[in-house]
Amino acid sequence: MLTLKSLVNGVNLTNVAATYYTVPTSTTTRITKATFCNDHTAVVTVTINLVPSGGSAAYGNRITKTKNLSPGETWSCPDVEGHHLEAGGFISMLASVTEKIGCRISGLESV
């Protein structure tokens, strides 16, 4: 069964790598849309990792590294769209400035 879900529902990213979504047990997830908005007066960078179960955010699973978002810019991230995560896998993200990048990611969970 497929369920359309908000995987990350309107959060503000921190400047420390954090897990924002973990795939539930016995489930796979496909990311369908990821949007980021810079609410700061300066450029802020975004880094995204799609991490397999049991792993940690590292260069090998980095999908987007320090993407510059201009002040007021909204960015639909094609880098993660269409990617699959297996059970226990997770989305880890960080911004160069805390609480200035808003994020929403939608996807399909399959049981």
C-alpha atoms as a PDB file:
ATOM      1  CA  MET A   1       0.000   0.000   0.000  1.00  0.00           C
ATOM      2  CA  LEU A   2       1.279   3.493  -0.909  1.00  0.00           C
ATOM      3  CA  THR A   3       0.679   6.439   1.407  1.00  0.00           C
ATOM      4  CA  LEU A   4       1.398  10.026   0.333  1.00  0.00           C
ATOM      5  CA  LYS A   5       2.928  11.819   3.319  1.00  0.00           C
ATOM      6  CA  SER A   6       4.599  14.952   4.484  1.00  0.00           C
ATOM      7  CA  LEU A   7       7.957  13.478   5.508  1.00  0.00           C
ATOM      8  CA  VAL A   8       9.340  16.752   6.856  1.00  0.00           C
ATOM      9  CA  ASN A   9       6.519  19.110   7.680  1.00  0.00           C
ATOM     10  CA  GLY A  10       7.618  22.741   7.767  1.00  0.00           C
ATOM     11  CA  VAL A  11      10.713  22.703   9.980  1.00  0.00           C
ATOM     12  CA  ASN A  12      13.527  25.211  10.402  1.00  0.00           C
ATOM     13  CA  LEU A  13      16.947  23.661   9.868  1.00  0.00           C
ATOM     14  CA  THR A  14      19.694  23.998  12.467  1.00  0.00           C
ATOM     15  CA  ASN A  15      23.404  24.577  11.877  1.00  0.00           C
ATOM     16  CA  VAL A  16      24.195  21.093  13.212  1.00  0.00           C
ATOM     17  CA  ALA A  17      23.487  17.962  11.161  1.00  0.00           C
ATOM     18  CA  ALA A  18      20.213  16.503  12.430  1.00  0.00           C
ATOM     19  CA  THR A  19      17.794  13.745  11.425  1.00  0.00           C
ATOM     20  CA  TYR A  20      14.524  15.161  10.121  1.00  0.00           C
ATOM     21  CA  TYR A  21      12.862  11.954   8.896  1.00  0.00           C
ATOM     22  CA  THR A  22      13.439   8.229   9.487  1.00  0.00           C
ATOM     23  CA  VAL A  23      11.796   5.517   7.366  1.00  0.00           C
ATOM     24  CA  PRO A  24       9.529   3.338   9.546  1.00  0.00           C
ATOM     25  CA  THR A  25      10.173  -0.398  10.015  1.00  0.00           C
ATOM     26  CA  SER A  26       9.003  -2.631   7.123  1.00  0.00           C
ATOM     27  CA  THR A  27       8.575   0.420   4.890  1.00  0.00           C
ATOM     28  CA  THR A  28      10.350   2.037   1.966  1.00  0.00           C
ATOM     29  CA  THR A  29      10.041   5.704   1.099  1.00  0.00           C
ATOM     30  CA  ARG A  30      10.328   7.635  -2.150  1.00  0.00           C
ATOM     31  CA  ILE A  31      10.917  11.383  -1.972  1.00  0.00           C
ATOM     32  CA  THR A  32       8.637  13.229  -4.384  1.00  0.00           C
ATOM     33  CA  LYS A  33       9.234  16.901  -3.537  1.00  0.00           C
ATOM     34  CA  ALA A  34      11.635  18.921  -1.367  1.00  0.00           C
ATOM     35  CA  THR A  35      11.353  22.686  -0.916  1.00  0.00           C
ATOM     36  CA  PHE A  36      13.569  25.071   1.039  1.00  0.00           C
ATOM     37  CA  CYS A  37      13.100  28.779   1.766  1.00  0.00           C
ATOM     38  CA  ASN A  38      15.724  31.235   3.023  1.00  0.00           C
ATOM     39  CA  ASP A  39      14.146  33.715   5.444  1.00  0.00           C
ATOM     40  CA  HIS A  40      17.450  35.429   6.240  1.00  0.00           C
ATOM     41  CA  THR A  41      18.958  38.702   5.010  1.00  0.00           C
ATOM     42  CA  ALA A  42      22.118  36.910   3.848  1.00  0.00           C
ATOM     43  CA  VAL A  43      23.046  33.827   1.829  1.00  0.00           C
ATOM     44  CA  VAL A  44      22.561  30.571   3.771  1.00  0.00           C
ATOM     45  CA  THR A  45      23.839  27.166   2.658  1.00  0.00           C
ATOM     46  CA  VAL A  46      21.989  23.846   2.866  1.00  0.00           C
ATOM     47  CA  THR A  47      23.516  20.349   3.025  1.00  0.00           C
ATOM     48  CA  ILE A  48      21.433  17.166   2.632  1.00  0.00           C
ATOM     49  CA  ASN A  49      22.367  13.526   3.276  1.00  0.00           C
ATOM     50  CA  LEU A  50      20.240  10.451   2.485  1.00  0.00           C
ATOM     51  CA  VAL A  51      21.615   7.924   4.949  1.00  0.00           C
ATOM     52  CA  PRO A  52      21.067   4.130   4.831  1.00  0.00           C
ATOM     53  CA  SER A  53      19.941   2.276   7.942  1.00  0.00           C
ATOM     54  CA  GLY A  54      22.764   1.935  10.450  1.00  0.00           C
ATOM     55  CA  GLY A  55      24.818   4.630   8.739  1.00  0.00           C
ATOM     56  CA  SER A  56      25.732   8.180   9.580  1.00  0.00           C
ATOM     57  CA  ALA A  57      25.781  11.391   7.568  1.00  0.00           C
ATOM     58  CA  ALA A  58      29.029  11.342   5.576  1.00  0.00           C
ATOM     59  CA  TYR A  59      30.484  12.252   2.185  1.00  0.00           C
ATOM     60  CA  GLY A  60      29.380   8.930   0.691  1.00  0.00           C
ATOM     61  CA  ASN A  61      25.672   9.671   1.181  1.00  0.00           C
ATOM     62  CA  ARG A  62      25.734  13.436   0.705  1.00  0.00           C
ATOM     63  CA  ILE A  63      23.246  14.440  -1.991  1.00  0.00           C
ATOM     64  CA  THR A  64      23.586  18.227  -1.786  1.00  0.00           C
ATOM     65  CA  LYS A  65      26.621  20.005  -0.370  1.00  0.00           C
ATOM     66  CA  THR A  66      26.435  23.634   0.701  1.00  0.00           C
ATOM     67  CA  LYS A  67      23.793  24.770  -1.796  1.00  0.00           C
ATOM     68  CA  ASN A  68      23.693  28.581  -1.602  1.00  0.00           C
ATOM     69  CA  LEU A  69      20.238  30.090  -1.095  1.00  0.00           C
ATOM     70  CA  SER A  70      20.004  33.840  -1.599  1.00  0.00           C
ATOM     71  CA  PRO A  71      18.022  36.012   0.823  1.00  0.00           C
ATOM     72  CA  GLY A  72      14.305  35.329   0.302  1.00  0.00           C
ATOM     73  CA  GLU A  73      14.960  32.522  -2.208  1.00  0.00           C
ATOM     74  CA  THR A  74      12.717  29.453  -2.391  1.00  0.00           C
ATOM     75  CA  TRP A  75      14.359  26.365  -3.916  1.00  0.00           C
ATOM     76  CA  SER A  76      12.763  23.123  -5.085  1.00  0.00           C
ATOM     77  CA  CYS A  77      15.578  20.608  -4.689  1.00  0.00           C
ATOM     78  CA  PRO A  78      15.785  18.249  -7.660  1.00  0.00           C
ATOM     79  CA  ASP A  79      18.788  16.513  -6.053  1.00  0.00           C
ATOM     80  CA  VAL A  80      16.690  14.386  -3.669  1.00  0.00           C
ATOM     81  CA  GLU A  81      13.479  13.997  -5.667  1.00  0.00           C
ATOM     82  CA  GLY A  82      12.941  10.419  -6.851  1.00  0.00           C
ATOM     83  CA  HIS A  83      15.398   8.888  -4.376  1.00  0.00           C
ATOM     84  CA  HIS A  84      14.352   5.854  -2.322  1.00  0.00           C
ATOM     85  CA  LEU A  85      15.182   5.097   1.300  1.00  0.00           C
ATOM     86  CA  GLU A  86      14.835   1.656   2.888  1.00  0.00           C
ATOM     87  CA  ALA A  87      13.519   0.954   6.412  1.00  0.00           C
ATOM     88  CA  GLY A  88      15.674   2.690   9.001  1.00  0.00           C
ATOM     89  CA  GLY A  89      17.216   5.042   6.457  1.00  0.00           C
ATOM     90  CA  PHE A  90      16.961   8.739   7.189  1.00  0.00           C
ATOM     91  CA  ILE A  91      17.207  12.298   5.899  1.00  0.00           C
ATOM     92  CA  SER A  92      19.875  14.380   7.632  1.00  0.00           C
ATOM     93  CA  MET A  93      20.198  18.104   6.903  1.00  0.00           C
ATOM     94  CA  LEU A  94      21.906  21.229   8.142  1.00  0.00           C
ATOM     95  CA  ALA A  95      22.061  24.914   7.277  1.00  0.00           C
ATOM     96  CA  SER A  96      24.924  27.348   7.772  1.00  0.00           C
ATOM     97  CA  VAL A  97      22.679  29.554   9.954  1.00  0.00           C
ATOM     98  CA  THR A  98      20.193  28.154  12.517  1.00  0.00           C
ATOM     99  CA  GLU A  99      16.448  28.804  12.130  1.00  0.00           C
ATOM    100  CA  LYS A 100      16.707  30.657   8.784  1.00  0.00           C
ATOM    101  CA  ILE A 101      15.924  27.861   6.307  1.00  0.00           C
ATOM    102  CA  GLY A 102      12.394  26.464   6.235  1.00  0.00           C
ATOM    103  CA  CYS A 103      11.949  22.984   4.770  1.00  0.00           C
ATOM    104  CA  ARG A 104       9.134  20.718   3.647  1.00  0.00           C
ATOM    105  CA  ILE A 105       9.640  17.297   2.033  1.00  0.00           C
ATOM    106  CA  SER A 106       6.856  15.105   0.695  1.00  0.00           C
ATOM    107  CA  GLY A 107       6.977  11.489  -0.368  1.00  0.00           C
ATOM    108  CA  LEU A 108       5.392   8.074  -0.662  1.00  0.00           C
ATOM    109  CA  GLU A 109       5.699   5.388   1.988  1.00  0.00           C
ATOM    110  CA  SER A 110       5.214   1.816   0.812  1.00  0.00           C
ATOM    111  CA  VAL A 111       4.430  -1.027   3.215  1.00  0.00           C
END
